[in-house]
């Protein structure tokens, strides 16, 4: 009889430890997801009408599906081409806001695909980007919405400005080259502007865009 009681106590204690452990894992996972996704975590909670557990399940699934994705480097030629295209898109915004936003949305999609993110469906690509570039994806979502014709001119301008941070992250953040050419720039160095002073073309264009937004 005493043996049975002891076994029962051990089983109950083990169950209690397991339940407490799961609670700690869940809480830690929630804090980890909130730290990892930042504003995107709050957006997910809002999308689930305040249901934190449902939001965390969605974000956890994103990490599970895309967390192991390895971003691919761009060649210097591709980086220069994307940079020139982005500058050109921003410059045409004053005359054709919706066309500019539509082209910028497509450009970001191509750039993300070239960096190794899925490129067939926006939602899947956005989910993958949010895992690796959570701080920069909000503008991409806004611009994609604007490109579909659901925003006014000022909203489109704000979306373009905000989406630029994702463009800059994708164009400048490059995996370390295991054996870089000593005679060539590191692949992680940002592209230079035509004036060779080290100013990024989009930084110059930012002042231009602000000057024309009034």
N, C-alpha and C. Protein backbone atom coordinates (compact mmCIF):
# COMPACT_ATOMS: atom_id res chain seq x y z
N UNK A 1 0.83 -1.21 0.00
CA UNK A 1 0.00 0.00 0.00
C UNK A 1 0.87 1.26 0.00
N UNK A 2 1.90 1.22 0.84
CA UNK A 2 2.79 2.37 0.92
C UNK A 2 3.47 2.62 -0.43
N UNK A 3 3.84 1.52 -1.11
CA UNK A 3 4.48 1.65 -2.42
C UNK A 3 3.56 2.33 -3.42
N UNK A 4 2.28 1.97 -3.39
CA UNK A 4 1.30 2.57 -4.31
C UNK A 4 1.16 4.06 -4.05
N UNK A 5 1.13 4.43 -2.78
CA UNK A 5 1.00 5.86 -2.43
C UNK A 5 2.20 6.64 -2.93
N UNK A 6 3.40 6.05 -2.72
CA UNK A 6 4.62 6.73 -3.16
C UNK A 6 4.62 6.94 -4.68
N UNK A 7 4.22 5.88 -5.40
CA UNK A 7 4.16 5.98 -6.86
C UNK A 7 3.17 7.05 -7.29
N UNK A 8 2.02 7.10 -6.61
CA UNK A 8 1.00 8.10 -6.94
C UNK A 8 1.52 9.51 -6.72
N UNK A 9 2.24 9.69 -5.62
CA UNK A 9 2.80 11.02 -5.33
C UNK A 9 3.82 11.42 -6.40
N UNK A 10 4.65 10.46 -6.81
CA UNK A 10 5.66 10.74 -7.83
C UNK A 10 4.99 11.12 -9.16
N UNK A 11 3.93 10.39 -9.52
CA UNK A 11 3.22 10.69 -10.77
C UNK A 11 2.60 12.08 -10.73
N UNK A 12 1.96 12.41 -9.61
CA UNK A 12 1.32 13.73 -9.47
C UNK A 12 2.37 14.83 -9.56
N UNK A 13 3.52 14.61 -8.90
CA UNK A 13 4.60 15.61 -8.93
C UNK A 13 5.13 15.78 -10.35
N UNK A 14 5.26 14.66 -11.06
CA UNK A 14 5.77 14.73 -12.43
C UNK A 14 4.81 15.50 -13.33
N UNK A 15 3.52 15.25 -13.16
CA UNK A 15 2.51 15.97 -13.95
C UNK A 15 2.57 17.46 -13.64
N UNK A 16 2.70 17.80 -12.37
CA UNK A 16 2.75 19.21 -11.98
C UNK A 16 3.96 19.90 -12.59
N UNK A 17 5.11 19.22 -12.59
CA UNK A 17 6.32 19.78 -13.19
C UNK A 17 6.14 19.97 -14.69
N UNK A 18 5.49 18.98 -15.34
CA UNK A 18 5.26 19.07 -16.78
C UNK A 18 4.36 20.24 -17.14
N UNK A 19 3.30 20.40 -16.37
CA UNK A 19 2.37 21.51 -16.63
C UNK A 19 3.05 22.85 -16.42
N UNK A 20 3.82 22.95 -15.32
CA UNK A 20 4.54 24.21 -15.06
C UNK A 20 5.55 24.49 -16.15
N UNK A 21 6.23 23.43 -16.60
CA UNK A 21 7.22 23.59 -17.66
C UNK A 21 6.60 24.08 -18.94
N UNK A 22 5.44 23.52 -19.31
CA UNK A 22 4.74 23.98 -20.51
C UNK A 22 4.34 25.43 -20.39
N UNK A 23 3.91 25.81 -19.19
CA UNK A 23 3.54 27.21 -18.98
C UNK A 23 4.72 28.14 -19.19
N UNK A 24 5.89 27.70 -18.67
CA UNK A 24 7.09 28.54 -18.85
C UNK A 24 7.49 28.62 -20.31
N UNK A 25 7.39 27.48 -21.02
CA UNK A 25 7.74 27.48 -22.44
C UNK A 25 6.81 28.39 -23.22
N UNK A 26 5.51 28.31 -22.89
CA UNK A 26 4.55 29.13 -23.60
C UNK A 26 4.81 30.61 -23.35
N UNK A 27 5.05 30.95 -22.06
CA UNK A 27 5.31 32.35 -21.73
C UNK A 27 6.61 32.83 -22.38
N UNK A 28 7.65 31.98 -22.30
CA UNK A 28 8.91 32.35 -22.90
C UNK A 28 8.78 32.49 -24.40
N UNK A 29 8.01 31.59 -25.02
CA UNK A 29 7.79 31.67 -26.46
C UNK A 29 7.08 32.95 -26.84
N UNK A 30 6.09 33.33 -26.02
CA UNK A 30 5.38 34.57 -26.29
C UNK A 30 6.28 35.78 -26.21
N UNK A 31 7.12 35.82 -25.17
CA UNK A 31 8.05 36.94 -25.03
C UNK A 31 9.06 36.94 -26.18
N UNK A 32 9.49 35.73 -26.56
CA UNK A 32 10.44 35.64 -27.67
C UNK A 32 9.84 36.11 -28.97
N UNK A 33 8.59 35.73 -29.23
CA UNK A 33 7.92 36.16 -30.45
C UNK A 33 7.70 37.67 -30.46
N UNK A 34 7.31 38.21 -29.32
CA UNK A 34 7.08 39.65 -29.24
C UNK A 34 8.37 40.42 -29.48
N UNK A 35 9.46 39.89 -28.93
CA UNK A 35 10.76 40.55 -29.15
C UNK A 35 11.19 40.42 -30.61
N UNK A 36 10.94 39.26 -31.19
CA UNK A 36 11.39 39.02 -32.56
C UNK A 36 10.59 39.83 -33.58
N UNK A 37 9.28 39.89 -33.40
CA UNK A 37 8.42 40.51 -34.41
C UNK A 37 8.09 41.98 -34.14
N UNK A 38 8.25 42.43 -32.90
CA UNK A 38 8.00 43.84 -32.60
C UNK A 38 6.58 44.28 -32.98
N UNK A 39 6.45 45.37 -33.76
CA UNK A 39 5.12 45.86 -34.15
C UNK A 39 4.30 44.82 -34.91
N UNK A 40 4.95 43.92 -35.60
CA UNK A 40 4.23 42.87 -36.33
C UNK A 40 3.52 41.92 -35.37
N UNK A 41 4.06 41.77 -34.17
CA UNK A 41 3.39 40.97 -33.14
C UNK A 41 2.08 41.63 -32.75
N UNK A 42 2.12 42.94 -32.50
CA UNK A 42 0.90 43.67 -32.14
C UNK A 42 -0.11 43.63 -33.29
N UNK A 43 0.38 43.72 -34.51
CA UNK A 43 -0.51 43.66 -35.67
C UNK A 43 -1.21 42.30 -35.74
N UNK A 44 -0.46 41.23 -35.48
CA UNK A 44 -1.04 39.89 -35.51
C UNK A 44 -2.10 39.72 -34.43
N UNK A 45 -1.83 40.25 -33.25
CA UNK A 45 -2.81 40.18 -32.16
C UNK A 45 -4.08 40.93 -32.55
N UNK A 46 -3.91 42.11 -33.15
CA UNK A 46 -5.07 42.90 -33.59
C UNK A 46 -5.84 42.16 -34.67
N UNK A 47 -5.13 41.52 -35.60
CA UNK A 47 -5.79 40.77 -36.67
C UNK A 47 -6.61 39.60 -36.11
N UNK A 48 -6.20 39.10 -34.95
CA UNK A 48 -6.91 37.99 -34.31
C UNK A 48 -7.85 38.50 -33.21
N UNK A 49 -8.24 39.77 -33.32
CA UNK A 49 -9.19 40.37 -32.38
C UNK A 49 -8.75 40.24 -30.93
N UNK A 50 -7.46 40.42 -30.70
CA UNK A 50 -6.94 40.40 -29.35
C UNK A 50 -6.61 39.02 -28.82
N UNK A 51 -6.79 38.00 -29.61
CA UNK A 51 -6.50 36.62 -29.18
C UNK A 51 -4.99 36.39 -29.27
N UNK A 52 -4.30 36.56 -28.16
CA UNK A 52 -2.84 36.45 -28.15
C UNK A 52 -2.36 35.06 -28.55
N UNK A 53 -3.04 34.03 -28.04
CA UNK A 53 -2.61 32.67 -28.34
C UNK A 53 -2.72 32.38 -29.84
N UNK A 54 -3.81 32.83 -30.44
CA UNK A 54 -3.98 32.60 -31.88
C UNK A 54 -2.91 33.35 -32.67
N UNK A 55 -2.60 34.58 -32.25
CA UNK A 55 -1.56 35.36 -32.92
C UNK A 55 -0.20 34.68 -32.78
N UNK A 56 0.08 34.17 -31.61
CA UNK A 56 1.36 33.50 -31.38
C UNK A 56 1.47 32.19 -32.16
N UNK A 57 0.35 31.51 -32.32
CA UNK A 57 0.37 30.31 -33.15
C UNK A 57 0.72 30.65 -34.59
N UNK A 58 0.12 31.75 -35.09
CA UNK A 58 0.41 32.17 -36.47
C UNK A 58 1.87 32.57 -36.63
N UNK A 59 2.37 33.39 -35.69
CA UNK A 59 3.76 33.85 -35.78
C UNK A 59 4.73 32.69 -35.58
N UNK A 60 4.38 31.78 -34.69
CA UNK A 60 5.22 30.61 -34.48
C UNK A 60 5.29 29.74 -35.73
N UNK A 61 4.18 29.67 -36.46
CA UNK A 61 4.17 28.91 -37.71
C UNK A 61 5.03 29.59 -38.76
N UNK A 62 5.04 30.91 -38.77
CA UNK A 62 5.91 31.63 -39.70
C UNK A 62 7.38 31.29 -39.43
N UNK A 63 7.75 31.29 -38.16
CA UNK A 63 9.13 30.98 -37.80
C UNK A 63 9.46 29.54 -38.18
N UNK A 64 8.51 28.64 -37.93
CA UNK A 64 8.72 27.23 -38.26
C UNK A 64 8.95 27.04 -39.76
N UNK A 65 8.17 27.74 -40.57
CA UNK A 65 8.25 27.57 -42.02
C UNK A 65 9.43 28.31 -42.64
N UNK A 66 9.74 29.49 -42.12
CA UNK A 66 10.72 30.35 -42.80
C UNK A 66 11.96 30.70 -41.98
N UNK A 67 12.02 30.24 -40.73
CA UNK A 67 13.14 30.61 -39.88
C UNK A 67 14.48 30.11 -40.37
N UNK A 68 14.50 28.99 -41.07
CA UNK A 68 15.76 28.42 -41.55
C UNK A 68 16.16 28.94 -42.92
N UNK A 69 15.37 29.85 -43.47
CA UNK A 69 15.68 30.39 -44.80
C UNK A 69 17.03 31.10 -44.77
N UNK A 70 17.83 30.84 -45.77
CA UNK A 70 19.13 31.50 -45.91
C UNK A 70 19.06 32.55 -47.01
N UNK A 71 19.31 33.79 -46.65
CA UNK A 71 19.26 34.86 -47.64
C UNK A 71 20.43 34.76 -48.61
N UNK A 72 20.13 34.95 -49.87
CA UNK A 72 21.14 34.83 -50.92
C UNK A 72 21.75 36.21 -51.22
N UNK A 73 23.04 36.24 -51.49
CA UNK A 73 23.68 37.52 -51.81
C UNK A 73 23.31 37.98 -53.22
N UNK A 74 23.43 39.28 -53.43
CA UNK A 74 23.24 39.85 -54.76
C UNK A 74 24.61 40.14 -55.36
N UNK A 75 24.71 40.04 -56.66
CA UNK A 75 25.94 40.45 -57.32
C UNK A 75 26.00 41.98 -57.29
N UNK A 76 27.19 42.55 -57.37
CA UNK A 76 27.30 44.01 -57.42
C UNK A 76 26.48 44.62 -58.56
N UNK A 77 26.42 43.90 -59.69
CA UNK A 77 25.64 44.41 -60.83
C UNK A 77 24.16 44.45 -60.51
N UNK A 78 23.66 43.39 -59.85
CA UNK A 78 22.24 43.35 -59.50
C UNK A 78 21.90 44.43 -58.48
N UNK A 79 22.79 44.65 -57.53
CA UNK A 79 22.55 45.68 -56.52
C UNK A 79 22.50 47.06 -57.16
N UNK A 80 23.41 47.31 -58.07
CA UNK A 80 23.43 48.60 -58.76
C UNK A 80 22.17 48.79 -59.60
N UNK A 81 21.72 47.72 -60.24
CA UNK A 81 20.53 47.80 -61.08
C UNK A 81 19.29 48.06 -60.24
N UNK A 82 19.16 47.35 -59.14
CA UNK A 82 18.00 47.57 -58.26
C UNK A 82 18.01 48.98 -57.68
N UNK A 83 19.18 49.45 -57.30
CA UNK A 83 19.28 50.80 -56.74
C UNK A 83 18.85 51.84 -57.76
N UNK A 84 19.30 51.71 -59.01
CA UNK A 84 18.93 52.65 -60.06
C UNK A 84 17.42 52.59 -60.32
N UNK A 85 16.85 51.40 -60.30
CA UNK A 85 15.42 51.24 -60.53
C UNK A 85 14.61 51.90 -59.42
N UNK A 86 15.07 51.73 -58.18
CA UNK A 86 14.34 52.32 -57.05
C UNK A 86 14.37 53.85 -57.12
N UNK A 87 15.52 54.40 -57.45
CA UNK A 87 15.64 55.84 -57.59
C UNK A 87 14.70 56.34 -58.69
N UNK A 88 14.67 55.61 -59.81
CA UNK A 88 13.80 56.00 -60.92
C UNK A 88 12.33 55.96 -60.54
N UNK A 89 11.94 54.95 -59.78
CA UNK A 89 10.54 54.83 -59.35
C UNK A 89 10.16 55.99 -58.44
N UNK A 90 11.05 56.34 -57.52
CA UNK A 90 10.76 57.46 -56.61
C UNK A 90 10.63 58.77 -57.38
N UNK A 91 11.45 58.93 -58.40
CA UNK A 91 11.42 60.18 -59.15
C UNK A 91 10.13 60.36 -59.95
N UNK A 92 9.51 59.25 -60.35
CA UNK A 92 8.28 59.37 -61.13
C UNK A 92 7.04 59.48 -60.25
N UNK A 93 7.22 59.43 -58.92
CA UNK A 93 6.07 59.48 -58.02
C UNK A 93 5.30 60.79 -58.15
N UNK A 94 6.02 61.91 -58.31
CA UNK A 94 5.38 63.22 -58.37
C UNK A 94 4.36 63.27 -59.51
N UNK A 95 4.70 62.73 -60.67
CA UNK A 95 3.81 62.78 -61.82
C UNK A 95 2.81 61.63 -61.87
N UNK A 96 3.22 60.46 -61.38
CA UNK A 96 2.35 59.27 -61.46
C UNK A 96 2.44 58.46 -60.18
N UNK A 97 1.77 58.93 -59.11
CA UNK A 97 1.90 58.26 -57.81
C UNK A 97 1.52 56.78 -57.84
N UNK A 98 0.37 56.46 -58.41
CA UNK A 98 -0.07 55.07 -58.37
C UNK A 98 0.84 54.18 -59.21
N UNK A 99 1.26 54.66 -60.36
CA UNK A 99 2.18 53.88 -61.19
C UNK A 99 3.49 53.65 -60.46
N UNK A 100 3.98 54.67 -59.79
CA UNK A 100 5.24 54.55 -59.06
C UNK A 100 5.11 53.53 -57.94
N UNK A 101 4.02 53.59 -57.20
CA UNK A 101 3.81 52.66 -56.09
C UNK A 101 3.68 51.23 -56.62
N UNK A 102 2.96 51.07 -57.72
CA UNK A 102 2.79 49.74 -58.31
C UNK A 102 4.12 49.15 -58.74
N UNK A 103 4.95 49.98 -59.38
CA UNK A 103 6.26 49.50 -59.84
C UNK A 103 7.19 49.24 -58.65
N UNK A 104 7.10 50.07 -57.60
CA UNK A 104 7.93 49.85 -56.42
C UNK A 104 7.54 48.57 -55.71
N UNK A 105 6.24 48.29 -55.67
CA UNK A 105 5.76 47.05 -55.05
C UNK A 105 6.30 45.84 -55.80
N UNK A 106 6.24 45.88 -57.11
CA UNK A 106 6.76 44.77 -57.93
C UNK A 106 8.27 44.66 -57.79
N UNK A 107 8.95 45.80 -57.71
CA UNK A 107 10.40 45.80 -57.58
C UNK A 107 10.83 45.14 -56.26
N UNK A 108 10.13 45.50 -55.17
CA UNK A 108 10.46 44.89 -53.88
C UNK A 108 10.22 43.38 -53.91
N UNK A 109 9.15 42.97 -54.60
CA UNK A 109 8.87 41.55 -54.71
C UNK A 109 9.98 40.81 -55.45
N UNK A 110 10.48 41.41 -56.53
CA UNK A 110 11.57 40.78 -57.29
C UNK A 110 12.86 40.74 -56.46
N UNK A 111 13.12 41.84 -55.76
CA UNK A 111 14.33 41.91 -54.95
C UNK A 111 14.30 40.86 -53.84
N UNK A 112 13.16 40.75 -53.16
CA UNK A 112 13.03 39.75 -52.10
C UNK A 112 13.21 38.34 -52.66
N UNK A 113 12.67 38.09 -53.83
CA UNK A 113 12.80 36.77 -54.45
C UNK A 113 14.26 36.49 -54.78
N UNK A 114 14.97 37.49 -55.30
CA UNK A 114 16.38 37.31 -55.61
C UNK A 114 17.22 37.07 -54.36
N UNK A 115 16.75 37.58 -53.21
CA UNK A 115 17.48 37.35 -51.96
C UNK A 115 17.14 36.00 -51.34
N UNK A 116 16.22 35.24 -51.99
CA UNK A 116 15.93 33.90 -51.51
C UNK A 116 14.58 33.72 -50.85
N UNK A 117 13.77 34.77 -50.80
CA UNK A 117 12.44 34.67 -50.20
C UNK A 117 11.45 34.14 -51.24
N UNK A 118 10.43 33.41 -50.80
CA UNK A 118 9.44 32.91 -51.76
C UNK A 118 8.81 34.07 -52.52
N UNK A 119 8.54 33.86 -53.82
CA UNK A 119 8.11 34.98 -54.64
C UNK A 119 6.82 34.78 -55.40
N UNK A 120 6.12 33.69 -55.18
CA UNK A 120 4.90 33.43 -55.95
C UNK A 120 3.69 34.15 -55.40
N UNK A 121 3.52 34.16 -54.09
CA UNK A 121 2.37 34.78 -53.44
C UNK A 121 2.84 35.84 -52.45
N UNK A 122 2.18 37.00 -52.48
CA UNK A 122 2.58 38.09 -51.59
C UNK A 122 2.52 37.67 -50.13
N UNK A 123 1.44 37.02 -49.71
CA UNK A 123 1.27 36.69 -48.30
C UNK A 123 2.38 35.78 -47.81
N UNK A 124 2.77 34.81 -48.62
CA UNK A 124 3.84 33.91 -48.22
C UNK A 124 5.18 34.65 -48.16
N UNK A 125 5.41 35.50 -49.16
CA UNK A 125 6.65 36.26 -49.16
C UNK A 125 6.70 37.21 -47.97
N UNK A 126 5.57 37.85 -47.69
CA UNK A 126 5.52 38.78 -46.56
C UNK A 126 5.78 38.04 -45.25
N UNK A 127 5.18 36.86 -45.10
CA UNK A 127 5.38 36.07 -43.88
C UNK A 127 6.86 35.75 -43.68
N UNK A 128 7.53 35.35 -44.77
CA UNK A 128 8.95 35.02 -44.68
C UNK A 128 9.78 36.27 -44.35
N UNK A 129 9.46 37.37 -45.00
CA UNK A 129 10.18 38.61 -44.74
C UNK A 129 9.99 39.06 -43.29
N UNK A 130 8.78 38.86 -42.75
CA UNK A 130 8.51 39.29 -41.38
C UNK A 130 9.34 38.53 -40.37
N UNK A 131 9.73 37.31 -40.69
CA UNK A 131 10.57 36.52 -39.79
C UNK A 131 11.99 37.08 -39.74
N UNK A 132 12.48 37.56 -40.88
CA UNK A 132 13.88 38.00 -40.98
C UNK A 132 14.04 39.52 -40.96
N UNK A 133 12.99 40.25 -41.30
CA UNK A 133 13.09 41.72 -41.35
C UNK A 133 11.83 42.34 -40.75
N UNK A 134 11.48 41.90 -39.55
CA UNK A 134 10.22 42.33 -38.94
C UNK A 134 10.12 43.85 -38.79
N UNK A 135 11.23 44.50 -38.53
CA UNK A 135 11.21 45.95 -38.29
C UNK A 135 10.94 46.75 -39.55
N UNK A 136 11.00 46.10 -40.73
CA UNK A 136 10.92 46.85 -41.99
C UNK A 136 9.72 46.48 -42.88
N UNK A 137 8.90 45.53 -42.45
CA UNK A 137 7.89 45.01 -43.38
C UNK A 137 6.59 45.80 -43.42
N UNK A 138 6.34 46.63 -42.43
CA UNK A 138 5.06 47.33 -42.40
C UNK A 138 4.84 48.18 -43.65
N UNK A 139 5.89 48.87 -44.09
CA UNK A 139 5.77 49.70 -45.28
C UNK A 139 5.49 48.90 -46.52
N UNK A 140 6.04 47.68 -46.58
CA UNK A 140 5.79 46.82 -47.74
C UNK A 140 4.33 46.44 -47.81
N UNK A 141 3.72 46.14 -46.66
CA UNK A 141 2.30 45.82 -46.64
C UNK A 141 1.47 47.02 -47.09
N UNK A 142 1.83 48.20 -46.56
CA UNK A 142 1.09 49.42 -46.93
C UNK A 142 1.22 49.72 -48.41
N UNK A 143 2.41 49.53 -48.95
CA UNK A 143 2.62 49.81 -50.37
C UNK A 143 1.89 48.80 -51.24
N UNK A 144 1.85 47.54 -50.81
CA UNK A 144 1.12 46.53 -51.58
C UNK A 144 -0.37 46.87 -51.61
N UNK A 145 -0.89 47.35 -50.48
CA UNK A 145 -2.29 47.78 -50.43
C UNK A 145 -2.51 48.98 -51.35
N UNK A 146 -1.58 49.93 -51.31
CA UNK A 146 -1.69 51.12 -52.16
C UNK A 146 -1.62 50.75 -53.63
N UNK A 147 -0.78 49.79 -53.97
CA UNK A 147 -0.64 49.37 -55.37
C UNK A 147 -1.92 48.77 -55.91
N UNK A 148 -2.74 48.26 -55.04
CA UNK A 148 -4.02 47.67 -55.46
C UNK A 148 -5.13 48.71 -55.55
N UNK A 149 -4.77 50.00 -55.37
CA UNK A 149 -5.71 51.07 -55.59
C UNK A 149 -6.60 51.42 -54.42
N UNK A 150 -6.15 51.13 -53.19
CA UNK A 150 -6.99 51.36 -52.03
C UNK A 150 -6.47 52.50 -51.15
N UNK A 151 -5.65 53.38 -51.70
CA UNK A 151 -5.07 54.45 -50.89
C UNK A 151 -5.06 55.76 -51.67
N UNK A 152 -5.09 56.87 -50.91
CA UNK A 152 -4.98 58.19 -51.52
C UNK A 152 -3.53 58.54 -51.78
N UNK A 153 -3.31 59.72 -52.40
CA UNK A 153 -1.97 60.13 -52.78
C UNK A 153 -1.04 60.25 -51.57
N UNK A 154 -1.52 60.87 -50.49
CA UNK A 154 -0.69 61.02 -49.30
C UNK A 154 -0.36 59.67 -48.68
N UNK A 155 -1.33 58.77 -48.66
CA UNK A 155 -1.08 57.43 -48.14
C UNK A 155 -0.05 56.69 -49.01
N UNK A 156 -0.15 56.89 -50.31
CA UNK A 156 0.83 56.26 -51.20
C UNK A 156 2.22 56.82 -50.97
N UNK A 157 2.31 58.13 -50.77
CA UNK A 157 3.62 58.74 -50.50
C UNK A 157 4.21 58.19 -49.22
N UNK A 158 3.41 58.10 -48.17
CA UNK A 158 3.88 57.58 -46.89
C UNK A 158 4.31 56.12 -47.02
N UNK A 159 3.55 55.35 -47.82
CA UNK A 159 3.89 53.95 -48.02
C UNK A 159 5.23 53.82 -48.74
N UNK A 160 5.46 54.67 -49.74
CA UNK A 160 6.74 54.65 -50.46
C UNK A 160 7.90 54.96 -49.52
N UNK A 161 7.72 55.99 -48.70
CA UNK A 161 8.78 56.39 -47.77
C UNK A 161 9.06 55.27 -46.78
N UNK A 162 8.00 54.66 -46.24
CA UNK A 162 8.17 53.63 -45.22
C UNK A 162 8.73 52.33 -45.82
N UNK A 163 8.30 52.01 -47.03
CA UNK A 163 8.76 50.77 -47.67
C UNK A 163 10.24 50.85 -48.03
N UNK A 164 10.77 52.04 -48.13
CA UNK A 164 12.17 52.20 -48.49
C UNK A 164 13.09 51.51 -47.48
N UNK A 165 12.67 51.42 -46.21
CA UNK A 165 13.53 50.80 -45.21
C UNK A 165 13.74 49.31 -45.52
N UNK A 166 12.70 48.64 -46.04
CA UNK A 166 12.87 47.24 -46.41
C UNK A 166 13.77 47.12 -47.62
N UNK A 167 13.60 48.03 -48.58
CA UNK A 167 14.48 48.02 -49.75
C UNK A 167 15.93 48.16 -49.31
N UNK A 168 16.20 49.12 -48.43
CA UNK A 168 17.57 49.35 -47.97
C UNK A 168 18.12 48.13 -47.24
N UNK A 169 17.27 47.48 -46.43
CA UNK A 169 17.73 46.29 -45.71
C UNK A 169 18.08 45.17 -46.68
N UNK A 170 17.25 44.98 -47.69
CA UNK A 170 17.50 43.89 -48.63
C UNK A 170 18.66 44.18 -49.56
N UNK A 171 18.89 45.44 -49.86
CA UNK A 171 19.94 45.78 -50.81
C UNK A 171 21.32 45.87 -50.14
N UNK A 172 21.34 46.12 -48.82
CA UNK A 172 22.62 46.32 -48.14
C UNK A 172 23.03 45.17 -47.24
N UNK A 173 22.06 44.42 -46.69
CA UNK A 173 22.40 43.33 -45.77
C UNK A 173 22.74 42.09 -46.58
N UNK A 174 24.02 41.77 -46.65
CA UNK A 174 24.50 40.65 -47.45
C UNK A 174 25.21 39.65 -46.55
N UNK A 175 25.04 38.34 -46.81
CA UNK A 175 25.80 37.34 -46.06
C UNK A 175 27.29 37.55 -46.26
N UNK A 176 28.07 37.22 -45.22
CA UNK A 176 29.51 37.39 -45.32
C UNK A 176 30.08 36.50 -46.40
N UNK A 177 30.95 37.06 -47.21
CA UNK A 177 31.60 36.30 -48.27
C UNK A 177 32.75 35.50 -47.66
N UNK A 178 32.74 34.17 -47.77
CA UNK A 178 33.78 33.38 -47.12
C UNK A 178 35.18 33.65 -47.64
N UNK A 179 35.30 34.05 -48.88
CA UNK A 179 36.63 34.33 -49.44
C UNK A 179 36.55 35.53 -50.35
N UNK A 180 36.43 36.72 -49.77
CA UNK A 180 36.27 37.92 -50.60
C UNK A 180 37.52 38.24 -51.40
N UNK A 181 37.29 38.85 -52.53
CA UNK A 181 38.39 39.29 -53.38
C UNK A 181 39.02 40.52 -52.74
N UNK A 182 40.29 40.46 -52.44
CA UNK A 182 40.95 41.58 -51.77
C UNK A 182 40.94 42.84 -52.62
N UNK A 183 40.80 42.68 -53.92
CA UNK A 183 40.84 43.84 -54.81
C UNK A 183 39.47 44.42 -55.09
N UNK A 184 38.42 43.81 -54.50
CA UNK A 184 37.06 44.29 -54.75
C UNK A 184 36.38 44.58 -53.43
N UNK A 185 35.32 45.44 -53.43
CA UNK A 185 34.62 45.77 -52.18
C UNK A 185 33.96 44.53 -51.60
N UNK A 186 33.79 44.50 -50.28
CA UNK A 186 33.03 43.44 -49.64
C UNK A 186 31.60 43.48 -50.13
N UNK A 187 30.98 42.30 -50.25
CA UNK A 187 29.60 42.25 -50.73
C UNK A 187 28.65 42.92 -49.78
N UNK A 188 29.04 43.10 -48.49
CA UNK A 188 28.15 43.72 -47.52
C UNK A 188 28.22 45.24 -47.56
N UNK A 189 29.15 45.81 -48.32
CA UNK A 189 29.25 47.25 -48.41
C UNK A 189 28.09 47.80 -49.22
N UNK A 190 27.46 48.90 -48.76
CA UNK A 190 26.37 49.47 -49.54
C UNK A 190 26.86 50.03 -50.85
N UNK A 191 26.03 50.03 -51.89
CA UNK A 191 26.46 50.56 -53.17
C UNK A 191 26.72 52.05 -53.11
N UNK A 192 27.68 52.49 -53.87
CA UNK A 192 28.01 53.91 -53.90
C UNK A 192 27.13 54.64 -54.90
N UNK A 193 27.00 55.93 -54.66
CA UNK A 193 26.22 56.75 -55.57
C UNK A 193 27.11 57.19 -56.73
N UNK A 194 26.49 57.70 -57.80
CA UNK A 194 27.29 58.13 -58.95
C UNK A 194 28.30 59.21 -58.62
N UNK A 195 28.10 59.94 -57.48
CA UNK A 195 29.06 61.00 -57.19
C UNK A 195 30.31 60.48 -56.47
N UNK A 196 30.33 59.13 -56.17
CA UNK A 196 31.49 58.49 -55.57
C UNK A 196 31.85 59.04 -54.20
N UNK A 197 30.90 59.71 -53.52
CA UNK A 197 31.16 60.22 -52.18
C UNK A 197 30.62 59.30 -51.10
N UNK A 198 30.12 58.15 -51.52
CA UNK A 198 29.62 57.20 -50.54
C UNK A 198 28.20 57.47 -50.09
N UNK A 199 27.50 58.39 -50.72
CA UNK A 199 26.11 58.65 -50.37
C UNK A 199 25.21 57.72 -51.16
N UNK A 200 24.32 57.03 -50.45
CA UNK A 200 23.41 56.12 -51.13
C UNK A 200 22.44 56.90 -51.99
N UNK A 201 22.17 56.45 -53.22
CA UNK A 201 21.28 57.19 -54.11
C UNK A 201 19.91 57.44 -53.51
N UNK A 202 19.39 56.45 -52.73
CA UNK A 202 18.05 56.66 -52.18
C UNK A 202 18.04 57.73 -51.09
N UNK A 203 19.21 57.98 -50.44
CA UNK A 203 19.28 59.04 -49.44
C UNK A 203 19.14 60.39 -50.11
N UNK A 204 19.79 60.53 -51.28
CA UNK A 204 19.65 61.77 -52.04
C UNK A 204 18.22 61.95 -52.49
N UNK A 205 17.62 60.82 -52.92
CA UNK A 205 16.26 60.89 -53.42
C UNK A 205 15.27 61.17 -52.32
N UNK A 206 15.63 60.78 -51.06
CA UNK A 206 14.72 61.04 -49.96
C UNK A 206 14.50 62.53 -49.79
N UNK A 207 15.58 63.31 -49.87
CA UNK A 207 15.42 64.76 -49.75
C UNK A 207 14.60 65.30 -50.92
N UNK A 208 14.81 64.73 -52.09
CA UNK A 208 14.05 65.17 -53.26
C UNK A 208 12.56 64.88 -53.07
N UNK A 209 12.26 63.68 -52.55
CA UNK A 209 10.85 63.29 -52.37
C UNK A 209 10.17 64.17 -51.35
N UNK A 210 10.89 64.48 -50.26
CA UNK A 210 10.29 65.34 -49.23
C UNK A 210 10.05 66.75 -49.78
N UNK A 211 10.97 67.19 -50.59
CA UNK A 211 10.83 68.52 -51.13
C UNK A 211 9.66 68.66 -52.06
N UNK A 212 9.24 67.53 -52.68
CA UNK A 212 8.12 67.58 -53.62
C UNK A 212 6.83 67.12 -53.02
N UNK A 213 6.84 66.80 -51.72
CA UNK A 213 5.62 66.26 -51.10
C UNK A 213 4.72 67.35 -50.58
N UNK A 214 5.18 68.58 -50.60
CA UNK A 214 4.35 69.67 -50.09
C UNK A 214 3.62 70.35 -51.21
